[in-house]
């Protein structure tokens, strides 16, 4: 999918570089990058998913980085609303049974929750570069990414300020990454600073703010050197293995082995190794 086919919005930037990195940036720095709307067509959450799918479909994109402009990652939903905002109608499939008394729950499950959950299923590597506060939706979107790098300004804030529980995959990811006791501590306090996030294993790396982008770029460069098809299959297998057992993981990896053996990327990797040169991968 070409980025020209995207319906771009000013509050979420789509910046594709020639080196294979796609930067998706929350762009409301004056409001700490608070999300506009929810699951509507032009809502920030819907656009994050749309931008990521575009990058996933673009053969020139190898890695997708989600971050924020200015001093915040994203402060979550803008509780004050945005004057003149037209959401473009409800998100497709957000309400299964509009006349049901269960409409609110279904709208949330098939709209907001699905949009954030779908980030987990992007085929290509995704990185959250957490440059500042990540609250509510912002926290959940960063947790849905594969890798999280943060600076000392990073902090997670839950939904306590609006009287809500941890939502949208946050309960799942925090428990998997940090363990039940730590996840519950966060659930009871609603705040997690950068140092503890790193100690708990929620952040892959904690670096000074002035070095954050260069560290993420270095990570991207190291990732891009490897066969994309191997990364895609590894991602799917490892994410599945988290909720599985040894036998299922063995079946998944065994099924993938033949696919990789006959792939052009595997052949190119082996040839480049033998010929002591840099490989050129095609994702096939």
Foldseek 3Di string as FASTA:
>chain_A
DDPVPDPDDQQWDWDDDQVQETEIEGRDVVQLSEWADAQFCQTPLNVVLVSLVVLLPDLSHAEYEQAYPDQFRYAYHDPVHDPPDDSNGGHPQLADDCVDPCRVVSNCVRGRLVSLLCLLVRLHAYEYEGRAEQEDVSVSNRLSGPAYEYEQRYKYFYPVVVPDFHDNCPLVSCCLQQNDVVSVVCRVVRMGGDVVCVVSRVHPYYDHSVCRVVVVVVVVVVSVQAASLVSSLVSVLVVVVSPHDPVVSVVSVVVCPVVLVPDPRNVQVVVCVVVVHRGDYRND
